[in-house]
C-alpha cells in the first residue's frame, strides 16, 4: 500500500516537468504560428494515453494567460477538456 502511494506521488512529481523533446517543441511552434495567424482557428489534440496532450495544452495556456485590455477580458487561448466518451450534452457542458 505504501509503495503504491509513493509510486503515485512520484508519478505526479515527474508529470510536473516538461521535457522539450523535438516533437513537443514542433507542436508548440505550430500552435504559436496558428495563434498569430490572421485567422486563428480551433485545435483538437488527440493521441494515446499519457503521451502529453494535456501537458502540451496546459503549457500553451500558461504561456498565453487571460488578461484585461482596456477593461475588457482578453482570452487568447480557451482550453476545454472533452470527456473520454463525449456526448453533445457533455461537450456543451464543458
C-alpha atoms as a PDB file:
ATOM      1  CA  UNK A   1       0.000   0.000   0.000  1.00  0.00           C
ATOM      2  CA  UNK A   2       2.749   2.430   0.967  1.00  0.00           C
ATOM      3  CA  UNK A   3       4.700   1.680  -2.223  1.00  0.00           C
ATOM      4  CA  UNK A   4       1.575   2.297  -4.335  1.00  0.00           C
ATOM      5  CA  UNK A   5       1.027   5.707  -2.720  1.00  0.00           C
ATOM      6  CA  UNK A   6       4.725   6.558  -3.101  1.00  0.00           C
ATOM      7  CA  UNK A   7       4.593   5.479  -6.748  1.00  0.00           C
ATOM      8  CA  UNK A   8       1.589   7.696  -7.425  1.00  0.00           C
ATOM      9  CA  UNK A   9       3.307  10.649  -5.754  1.00  0.00           C
ATOM     10  CA  UNK A  10       6.469  10.033  -7.792  1.00  0.00           C
ATOM     11  CA  UNK A  11       4.375   9.979 -10.980  1.00  0.00           C
ATOM     12  CA  UNK A  12       2.764  13.309 -10.032  1.00  0.00           C
ATOM     13  CA  UNK A  13       6.176  14.847  -9.319  1.00  0.00           C
ATOM     14  CA  UNK A  14       7.625  13.723 -12.660  1.00  0.00           C
ATOM     15  CA  UNK A  15       4.497  14.847 -14.533  1.00  0.00           C
ATOM     16  CA  UNK A  16       5.162  18.442 -13.463  1.00  0.00           C
ATOM     17  CA  UNK A  17       8.257  18.670 -15.656  1.00  0.00           C
ATOM     18  CA  UNK A  18       8.152  19.252 -19.398  1.00  0.00           C
ATOM     19  CA  UNK A  19      10.838  17.559 -21.430  1.00  0.00           C
ATOM     20  CA  UNK A  20      11.261  19.679 -24.533  1.00  0.00           C
ATOM     21  CA  UNK A  21      11.769  16.823 -26.978  1.00  0.00           C
ATOM     22  CA  UNK A  22      11.650  17.677 -30.712  1.00  0.00           C
ATOM     23  CA  UNK A  23       8.029  16.629 -31.332  1.00  0.00           C
ATOM     24  CA  UNK A  24       6.787  18.660 -28.327  1.00  0.00           C
ATOM     25  CA  UNK A  25       8.804  21.691 -29.469  1.00  0.00           C
ATOM     26  CA  UNK A  26       7.494  21.321 -33.036  1.00  0.00           C
ATOM     27  CA  UNK A  27       3.874  21.152 -31.878  1.00  0.00           C
ATOM     28  CA  UNK A  28       4.294  24.199 -29.629  1.00  0.00           C
ATOM     29  CA  UNK A  29       5.784  26.157 -32.549  1.00  0.00           C
ATOM     30  CA  UNK A  30       2.878  25.155 -34.796  1.00  0.00           C
ATOM     31  CA  UNK A  31       0.420  26.241 -32.119  1.00  0.00           C
ATOM     32  CA  UNK A  32       2.208  29.604 -31.780  1.00  0.00           C
ATOM     33  CA  UNK A  33       2.032  30.180 -35.551  1.00  0.00           C
ATOM     34  CA  UNK A  34      -1.646  29.241 -35.553  1.00  0.00           C
ATOM     35  CA  UNK A  35      -2.378  31.735 -32.762  1.00  0.00           C
ATOM     36  CA  UNK A  36      -0.512  34.531 -34.582  1.00  0.00           C
ATOM     37  CA  UNK A  37      -2.229  33.843 -37.910  1.00  0.00           C
ATOM     38  CA  UNK A  38      -4.740  36.440 -39.155  1.00  0.00           C
ATOM     39  CA  UNK A  39      -7.499  33.831 -38.966  1.00  0.00           C
ATOM     40  CA  UNK A  40      -6.811  31.634 -35.894  1.00  0.00           C
ATOM     41  CA  UNK A  41      -8.948  28.524 -35.571  1.00  0.00           C
ATOM     42  CA  UNK A  42      -9.658  25.758 -33.099  1.00  0.00           C
ATOM     43  CA  UNK A  43      -7.354  22.834 -32.471  1.00  0.00           C
ATOM     44  CA  UNK A  44      -8.302  19.342 -31.354  1.00  0.00           C
ATOM     45  CA  UNK A  45      -5.442  17.457 -29.709  1.00  0.00           C
ATOM     46  CA  UNK A  46      -5.829  13.669 -29.789  1.00  0.00           C
ATOM     47  CA  UNK A  47      -3.463  10.807 -29.037  1.00  0.00           C
ATOM     48  CA  UNK A  48      -2.773   7.767 -26.917  1.00  0.00           C
ATOM     49  CA  UNK A  49      -2.980   7.873 -23.135  1.00  0.00           C
ATOM     50  CA  UNK A  50      -0.108   9.581 -21.282  1.00  0.00           C
ATOM     51  CA  UNK A  51       1.673  10.968 -24.362  1.00  0.00           C
ATOM     52  CA  UNK A  52       1.448  14.589 -23.172  1.00  0.00           C
ATOM     53  CA  UNK A  53      -1.740  16.004 -24.706  1.00  0.00           C
ATOM     54  CA  UNK A  54      -2.824  17.776 -21.529  1.00  0.00           C
ATOM     55  CA  UNK A  55       0.730  18.880 -20.748  1.00  0.00           C
ATOM     56  CA  UNK A  56       1.040  20.388 -24.223  1.00  0.00           C
ATOM     57  CA  UNK A  57      -2.304  22.174 -23.986  1.00  0.00           C
ATOM     58  CA  UNK A  58      -1.776  23.483 -20.460  1.00  0.00           C
ATOM     59  CA  UNK A  59       1.757  24.703 -21.191  1.00  0.00           C
ATOM     60  CA  UNK A  60       0.364  26.665 -24.142  1.00  0.00           C
ATOM     61  CA  UNK A  61      -2.448  28.013 -21.980  1.00  0.00           C
ATOM     62  CA  UNK A  62       0.039  29.138 -19.311  1.00  0.00           C
ATOM     63  CA  UNK A  63       2.123  30.916 -21.959  1.00  0.00           C
ATOM     64  CA  UNK A  64      -0.972  32.869 -23.088  1.00  0.00           C
ATOM     65  CA  UNK A  65      -2.922  33.792 -19.941  1.00  0.00           C
ATOM     66  CA  UNK A  66      -6.178  35.688 -19.778  1.00  0.00           C
ATOM     67  CA  UNK A  67      -5.611  39.449 -19.495  1.00  0.00           C
ATOM     68  CA  UNK A  68      -7.662  42.624 -19.195  1.00  0.00           C
ATOM     69  CA  UNK A  69      -7.250  45.068 -22.112  1.00  0.00           C
ATOM     70  CA  UNK A  70      -8.988  48.435 -21.711  1.00  0.00           C
ATOM     71  CA  UNK A  71     -11.318  46.924 -19.119  1.00  0.00           C
ATOM     72  CA  UNK A  72     -12.280  44.030 -21.404  1.00  0.00           C
ATOM     73  CA  UNK A  73     -11.172  40.436 -20.751  1.00  0.00           C
ATOM     74  CA  UNK A  74      -8.898  39.039 -23.466  1.00  0.00           C
ATOM     75  CA  UNK A  75      -8.746  35.257 -23.716  1.00  0.00           C
ATOM     76  CA  UNK A  76      -6.177  34.332 -26.373  1.00  0.00           C
ATOM     77  CA  UNK A  77      -6.396  30.607 -25.609  1.00  0.00           C
ATOM     78  CA  UNK A  78      -9.527  28.774 -24.492  1.00  0.00           C
ATOM     79  CA  UNK A  79      -8.919  25.311 -23.018  1.00  0.00           C
ATOM     80  CA  UNK A  80     -11.808  22.850 -22.869  1.00  0.00           C
ATOM     81  CA  UNK A  81     -11.357  19.272 -21.725  1.00  0.00           C
ATOM     82  CA  UNK A  82     -13.708  16.919 -23.577  1.00  0.00           C
ATOM     83  CA  UNK A  83     -14.856  13.730 -21.803  1.00  0.00           C
ATOM     84  CA  UNK A  84     -13.412  10.407 -22.989  1.00  0.00           C
ATOM     85  CA  UNK A  85     -16.788   9.256 -24.278  1.00  0.00           C
ATOM     86  CA  UNK A  86     -18.329  12.565 -25.352  1.00  0.00           C
ATOM     87  CA  UNK A  87     -21.991  13.281 -25.895  1.00  0.00           C
ATOM     88  CA  UNK A  88     -23.493  16.501 -27.231  1.00  0.00           C
ATOM     89  CA  UNK A  89     -24.603  17.379 -23.713  1.00  0.00           C
ATOM     90  CA  UNK A  90     -21.195  16.700 -22.109  1.00  0.00           C
ATOM     91  CA  UNK A  91     -19.388  18.717 -24.790  1.00  0.00           C
ATOM     92  CA  UNK A  92     -21.814  21.627 -24.350  1.00  0.00           C
ATOM     93  CA  UNK A  93     -21.343  21.442 -20.576  1.00  0.00           C
ATOM     94  CA  UNK A  94     -17.535  21.505 -20.989  1.00  0.00           C
END
